[in-house]
């Protein structure tokens, strides 16, 4: 498998970043959904959010790397059998997925740093607050985070269903290309 994308295939870097982000989003959504129900005395009350925040920061770094990689190694061309509307919808969905990812990550960051505190990433490094103390920012950021992550996971689910439709019904190599086989 090639390192860079070609006009017909994704390279190993693009494929790896795609699946890394997909797994991180699923994991972060599941952890976030679970941890909001934790009581103050639950042993995971502090550990769950710490892991969630740390993974969110690492996901942000991965997404910045993914955007930079897209500039260095442009995406393969659409398959010839794809209809024009499929290509347009695909580009729109991918763009919206990127926007929702960044909105979710930035709003999550703002929830935690609204009191001026930094985020420790697994104790490796700290990400400081860029806003300082902002009264009620965590409420607004929390609402944005909730709705953007719900929209993100819903759209990602539709994205996955579309890939399966291409694989099972259309029998084209859309999904195979992202698995490194097409």
C-alpha atoms as a PDB file:
ATOM      1  CA  UNK A   1       0.000   0.000   0.000  1.00  0.00           C
ATOM      2  CA  UNK A   2       1.254   3.452  -0.874  1.00  0.00           C
ATOM      3  CA  UNK A   3       1.992   6.189   1.618  1.00  0.00           C
ATOM      4  CA  UNK A   4       0.376   8.994  -0.426  1.00  0.00           C
ATOM      5  CA  UNK A   5      -3.062   9.041  -2.019  1.00  0.00           C
ATOM      6  CA  UNK A   6      -3.217   8.499  -5.764  1.00  0.00           C
ATOM      7  CA  UNK A   7      -5.938   9.600  -8.177  1.00  0.00           C
ATOM      8  CA  UNK A   8      -7.538   6.156  -7.712  1.00  0.00           C
ATOM      9  CA  UNK A   9      -6.674   5.079  -4.135  1.00  0.00           C
ATOM     10  CA  UNK A  10      -6.225   6.288  -0.594  1.00  0.00           C
ATOM     11  CA  UNK A  11      -2.782   5.908   0.927  1.00  0.00           C
ATOM     12  CA  UNK A  12      -2.056   4.341   4.299  1.00  0.00           C
ATOM     13  CA  UNK A  13      -1.893   7.716   6.081  1.00  0.00           C
ATOM     14  CA  UNK A  14      -5.364   8.796   4.933  1.00  0.00           C
ATOM     15  CA  UNK A  15      -6.841   5.396   5.715  1.00  0.00           C
ATOM     16  CA  UNK A  16      -5.235   5.285   9.158  1.00  0.00           C
ATOM     17  CA  UNK A  17      -6.363   8.802  10.050  1.00  0.00           C
ATOM     18  CA  UNK A  18      -9.910   8.068   8.849  1.00  0.00           C
ATOM     19  CA  UNK A  19     -10.302   4.966  11.023  1.00  0.00           C
ATOM     20  CA  UNK A  20      -8.485   6.514  13.992  1.00  0.00           C
ATOM     21  CA  UNK A  21     -10.909   9.452  13.951  1.00  0.00           C
ATOM     22  CA  UNK A  22     -13.907   7.127  13.483  1.00  0.00           C
ATOM     23  CA  UNK A  23     -12.927   4.992  16.480  1.00  0.00           C
ATOM     24  CA  UNK A  24     -12.172   8.070  18.604  1.00  0.00           C
ATOM     25  CA  UNK A  25     -15.543   9.647  17.798  1.00  0.00           C
ATOM     26  CA  UNK A  26     -17.432   6.453  18.631  1.00  0.00           C
ATOM     27  CA  UNK A  27     -15.443   5.970  21.827  1.00  0.00           C
ATOM     28  CA  UNK A  28     -15.762   9.592  22.941  1.00  0.00           C
ATOM     29  CA  UNK A  29     -19.492   9.644  22.239  1.00  0.00           C
ATOM     30  CA  UNK A  30     -20.033   6.427  24.192  1.00  0.00           C
ATOM     31  CA  UNK A  31     -17.904   7.614  27.097  1.00  0.00           C
ATOM     32  CA  UNK A  32     -19.593  11.022  27.121  1.00  0.00           C
ATOM     33  CA  UNK A  33     -23.069   9.509  27.067  1.00  0.00           C
ATOM     34  CA  UNK A  34     -22.181   7.137  29.908  1.00  0.00           C
ATOM     35  CA  UNK A  35     -20.328   9.580  32.134  1.00  0.00           C
ATOM     36  CA  UNK A  36     -23.081  12.208  32.357  1.00  0.00           C
ATOM     37  CA  UNK A  37     -25.076   9.725  34.441  1.00  0.00           C
ATOM     38  CA  UNK A  38     -22.295   9.152  36.989  1.00  0.00           C
ATOM     39  CA  UNK A  39     -22.930  10.196  40.562  1.00  0.00           C
ATOM     40  CA  UNK A  40     -20.452  12.232  42.587  1.00  0.00           C
ATOM     41  CA  UNK A  41     -19.411   9.153  44.562  1.00  0.00           C
ATOM     42  CA  UNK A  42     -18.831   6.929  41.552  1.00  0.00           C
ATOM     43  CA  UNK A  43     -15.119   6.049  41.176  1.00  0.00           C
ATOM     44  CA  UNK A  44     -15.330   7.086  37.492  1.00  0.00           C
ATOM     45  CA  UNK A  45     -16.830  10.523  38.286  1.00  0.00           C
ATOM     46  CA  UNK A  46     -13.449  12.216  37.790  1.00  0.00           C
ATOM     47  CA  UNK A  47     -11.614   9.578  35.750  1.00  0.00           C
ATOM     48  CA  UNK A  48     -14.218   9.393  32.937  1.00  0.00           C
ATOM     49  CA  UNK A  49     -14.199  13.134  32.191  1.00  0.00           C
ATOM     50  CA  UNK A  50     -10.377  13.235  32.423  1.00  0.00           C
ATOM     51  CA  UNK A  51     -10.107  10.478  29.817  1.00  0.00           C
ATOM     52  CA  UNK A  52     -12.802  12.144  27.688  1.00  0.00           C
ATOM     53  CA  UNK A  53     -11.014  15.516  27.721  1.00  0.00           C
ATOM     54  CA  UNK A  54      -7.594  13.987  27.051  1.00  0.00           C
ATOM     55  CA  UNK A  55      -8.897  11.945  24.130  1.00  0.00           C
ATOM     56  CA  UNK A  56     -10.728  15.017  22.816  1.00  0.00           C
ATOM     57  CA  UNK A  57      -7.478  17.008  22.741  1.00  0.00           C
ATOM     58  CA  UNK A  58      -5.667  14.139  21.006  1.00  0.00           C
ATOM     59  CA  UNK A  59      -8.522  13.914  18.498  1.00  0.00           C
ATOM     60  CA  UNK A  60      -8.146  17.644  17.829  1.00  0.00           C
ATOM     61  CA  UNK A  61      -4.447  17.099  17.079  1.00  0.00           C
ATOM     62  CA  UNK A  62      -5.310  14.177  14.789  1.00  0.00           C
ATOM     63  CA  UNK A  63      -7.908  16.282  12.952  1.00  0.00           C
ATOM     64  CA  UNK A  64      -5.439  19.119  12.387  1.00  0.00           C
ATOM     65  CA  UNK A  65      -2.990  16.524  11.048  1.00  0.00           C
ATOM     66  CA  UNK A  66      -5.757  15.122   8.848  1.00  0.00           C
ATOM     67  CA  UNK A  67      -6.524  18.557   7.392  1.00  0.00           C
ATOM     68  CA  UNK A  68      -2.833  19.200   6.728  1.00  0.00           C
ATOM     69  CA  UNK A  69      -2.514  15.771   5.133  1.00  0.00           C
ATOM     70  CA  UNK A  70      -5.435  16.547   2.806  1.00  0.00           C
ATOM     71  CA  UNK A  71      -3.465  19.549   1.553  1.00  0.00           C
ATOM     72  CA  UNK A  72      -0.333  17.461   0.997  1.00  0.00           C
ATOM     73  CA  UNK A  73      -2.023  14.405  -0.488  1.00  0.00           C
ATOM     74  CA  UNK A  74      -5.260  15.299  -2.313  1.00  0.00           C
ATOM     75  CA  UNK A  75      -8.176  12.892  -2.245  1.00  0.00           C
ATOM     76  CA  UNK A  76      -8.680  10.289  -4.984  1.00  0.00           C
ATOM     77  CA  UNK A  77     -11.090  11.184  -7.747  1.00  0.00           C
ATOM     78  CA  UNK A  78     -14.690   9.957  -7.467  1.00  0.00           C
ATOM     79  CA  UNK A  79     -15.385   6.619  -9.083  1.00  0.00           C
ATOM     80  CA  UNK A  80     -16.690   6.905 -12.660  1.00  0.00           C
ATOM     81  CA  UNK A  81     -19.909   5.084 -11.744  1.00  0.00           C
ATOM     82  CA  UNK A  82     -20.819   7.673  -9.093  1.00  0.00           C
ATOM     83  CA  UNK A  83     -23.618   9.988 -10.142  1.00  0.00           C
ATOM     84  CA  UNK A  84     -23.060  13.733  -9.962  1.00  0.00           C
ATOM     85  CA  UNK A  85     -25.504  14.150  -7.058  1.00  0.00           C
ATOM     86  CA  UNK A  86     -23.662  11.415  -5.099  1.00  0.00           C
ATOM     87  CA  UNK A  87     -20.380  13.257  -5.510  1.00  0.00           C
ATOM     88  CA  UNK A  88     -21.935  16.584  -4.447  1.00  0.00           C
ATOM     89  CA  UNK A  89     -23.647  15.026  -1.422  1.00  0.00           C
ATOM     90  CA  UNK A  90     -20.457  13.180  -0.482  1.00  0.00           C
ATOM     91  CA  UNK A  91     -18.430  16.409  -0.488  1.00  0.00           C
ATOM     92  CA  UNK A  92     -21.112  18.222   1.511  1.00  0.00           C
ATOM     93  CA  UNK A  93     -21.345  15.432   4.092  1.00  0.00           C
ATOM     94  CA  UNK A  94     -17.575  15.243   4.512  1.00  0.00           C
ATOM     95  CA  UNK A  95     -17.394  19.013   4.922  1.00  0.00           C
ATOM     96  CA  UNK A  96     -20.189  18.966   7.500  1.00  0.00           C
ATOM     97  CA  UNK A  97     -18.508  16.087   9.375  1.00  0.00           C
ATOM     98  CA  UNK A  98     -15.330  18.166   9.635  1.00  0.00           C
ATOM     99  CA  UNK A  99     -17.258  21.232  10.822  1.00  0.00           C
ATOM    100  CA  UNK A 100     -19.203  19.226  13.413  1.00  0.00           C
ATOM    101  CA  UNK A 101     -16.011  17.568  14.650  1.00  0.00           C
ATOM    102  CA  UNK A 102     -14.323  20.912  15.241  1.00  0.00           C
ATOM    103  CA  UNK A 103     -17.439  22.472  16.781  1.00  0.00           C
ATOM    104  CA  UNK A 104     -17.727  19.494  19.159  1.00  0.00           C
ATOM    105  CA  UNK A 105     -14.052  19.598  20.116  1.00  0.00           C
ATOM    106  CA  UNK A 106     -13.894  23.364  20.598  1.00  0.00           C
ATOM    107  CA  UNK A 107     -17.126  23.471  22.597  1.00  0.00           C
ATOM    108  CA  UNK A 108     -15.866  20.600  24.758  1.00  0.00           C
ATOM    109  CA  UNK A 109     -12.668  22.530  25.392  1.00  0.00           C
ATOM    110  CA  UNK A 110     -14.684  25.631  26.311  1.00  0.00           C
ATOM    111  CA  UNK A 111     -16.823  23.696  28.807  1.00  0.00           C
ATOM    112  CA  UNK A 112     -13.753  22.713  30.802  1.00  0.00           C
ATOM    113  CA  UNK A 113     -11.775  25.936  30.487  1.00  0.00           C
ATOM    114  CA  UNK A 114     -14.670  28.337  31.213  1.00  0.00           C
ATOM    115  CA  UNK A 115     -13.385  28.681  34.773  1.00  0.00           C
ATOM    116  CA  UNK A 116      -9.878  29.536  33.559  1.00  0.00           C
ATOM    117  CA  UNK A 117      -8.429  26.082  34.242  1.00  0.00           C
ATOM    118  CA  UNK A 118      -6.280  24.121  31.844  1.00  0.00           C
ATOM    119  CA  UNK A 119      -6.770  20.584  30.527  1.00  0.00           C
ATOM    120  CA  UNK A 120      -4.184  17.979  31.461  1.00  0.00           C
ATOM    121  CA  UNK A 121      -3.755  15.451  28.657  1.00  0.00           C
ATOM    122  CA  UNK A 122      -3.001  12.188  30.470  1.00  0.00           C
ATOM    123  CA  UNK A 123      -0.436  14.131  32.525  1.00  0.00           C
ATOM    124  CA  UNK A 124       1.769  14.482  29.420  1.00  0.00           C
ATOM    125  CA  UNK A 125       1.094  18.182  28.827  1.00  0.00           C
ATOM    126  CA  UNK A 126      -1.468  20.851  29.703  1.00  0.00           C
ATOM    127  CA  UNK A 127      -3.623  22.885  27.331  1.00  0.00           C
ATOM    128  CA  UNK A 128      -4.294  26.260  28.951  1.00  0.00           C
ATOM    129  CA  UNK A 129      -7.527  28.235  28.870  1.00  0.00           C
ATOM    130  CA  UNK A 130      -7.542  30.878  26.150  1.00  0.00           C
ATOM    131  CA  UNK A 131     -10.607  32.647  27.544  1.00  0.00           C
ATOM    132  CA  UNK A 132      -9.928  32.901  31.260  1.00  0.00           C
ATOM    133  CA  UNK A 133     -13.011  32.921  33.464  1.00  0.00           C
ATOM    134  CA  UNK A 134     -16.242  33.492  31.541  1.00  0.00           C
ATOM    135  CA  UNK A 135     -19.473  33.332  33.521  1.00  0.00           C
ATOM    136  CA  UNK A 136     -21.952  30.724  32.189  1.00  0.00           C
ATOM    137  CA  UNK A 137     -19.806  29.878  29.179  1.00  0.00           C
ATOM    138  CA  UNK A 138     -19.873  26.213  30.201  1.00  0.00           C
ATOM    139  CA  UNK A 139     -23.687  26.234  29.887  1.00  0.00           C
ATOM    140  CA  UNK A 140     -23.657  27.595  26.349  1.00  0.00           C
ATOM    141  CA  UNK A 141     -20.679  25.470  25.338  1.00  0.00           C
ATOM    142  CA  UNK A 142     -22.376  22.441  26.911  1.00  0.00           C
ATOM    143  CA  UNK A 143     -25.494  22.903  24.797  1.00  0.00           C
ATOM    144  CA  UNK A 144     -23.410  23.361  21.642  1.00  0.00           C
ATOM    145  CA  UNK A 145     -21.330  20.293  22.554  1.00  0.00           C
ATOM    146  CA  UNK A 146     -24.411  18.160  23.160  1.00  0.00           C
ATOM    147  CA  UNK A 147     -26.163  19.046  19.896  1.00  0.00           C
ATOM    148  CA  UNK A 148     -23.038  19.026  17.734  1.00  0.00           C
ATOM    149  CA  UNK A 149     -21.996  15.576  18.976  1.00  0.00           C
ATOM    150  CA  UNK A 150     -25.496  14.224  18.481  1.00  0.00           C
ATOM    151  CA  UNK A 151     -25.517  15.607  14.924  1.00  0.00           C
ATOM    152  CA  UNK A 152     -21.983  14.330  14.332  1.00  0.00           C
ATOM    153  CA  UNK A 153     -22.744  10.760  15.374  1.00  0.00           C
ATOM    154  CA  UNK A 154     -26.018  10.763  13.424  1.00  0.00           C
ATOM    155  CA  UNK A 155     -24.312  12.030  10.273  1.00  0.00           C
ATOM    156  CA  UNK A 156     -21.423   9.592  10.759  1.00  0.00           C
ATOM    157  CA  UNK A 157     -24.005   6.797  10.967  1.00  0.00           C
ATOM    158  CA  UNK A 158     -25.533   7.905   7.667  1.00  0.00           C
ATOM    159  CA  UNK A 159     -22.018   8.119   6.209  1.00  0.00           C
ATOM    160  CA  UNK A 160     -21.394   4.497   7.252  1.00  0.00           C
ATOM    161  CA  UNK A 161     -24.754   3.394   5.809  1.00  0.00           C
ATOM    162  CA  UNK A 162     -23.914   5.116   2.512  1.00  0.00           C
ATOM    163  CA  UNK A 163     -20.581   3.271   2.388  1.00  0.00           C
ATOM    164  CA  UNK A 164     -22.399  -0.021   2.997  1.00  0.00           C
ATOM    165  CA  UNK A 165     -24.946   0.857   0.288  1.00  0.00           C
ATOM    166  CA  UNK A 166     -22.078   1.380  -2.170  1.00  0.00           C
ATOM    167  CA  UNK A 167     -20.531  -1.928  -1.126  1.00  0.00           C
ATOM    168  CA  UNK A 168     -23.629  -4.150  -0.949  1.00  0.00           C
ATOM    169  CA  UNK A 169     -26.103  -2.631  -3.415  1.00  0.00           C
ATOM    170  CA  UNK A 170     -23.963  -0.736  -5.937  1.00  0.00           C
ATOM    171  CA  UNK A 171     -21.089  -3.223  -5.640  1.00  0.00           C
ATOM    172  CA  UNK A 172     -18.517  -0.521  -6.314  1.00  0.00           C
ATOM    173  CA  UNK A 173     -15.153  -0.036  -4.607  1.00  0.00           C
ATOM    174  CA  UNK A 174     -16.072   3.005  -2.463  1.00  0.00           C
ATOM    175  CA  UNK A 175     -15.708   1.145   0.838  1.00  0.00           C
ATOM    176  CA  UNK A 176     -12.835  -1.008  -0.402  1.00  0.00           C
ATOM    177  CA  UNK A 177     -10.807   2.123  -1.140  1.00  0.00           C
ATOM    178  CA  UNK A 178     -11.068   3.204   2.508  1.00  0.00           C
ATOM    179  CA  UNK A 179     -10.105  -0.305   3.605  1.00  0.00           C
ATOM    180  CA  UNK A 180      -7.001  -0.221   1.400  1.00  0.00           C
ATOM    181  CA  UNK A 181      -8.325  -2.870  -0.987  1.00  0.00           C
ATOM    182  CA  UNK A 182      -9.926  -0.957  -3.827  1.00  0.00           C
END
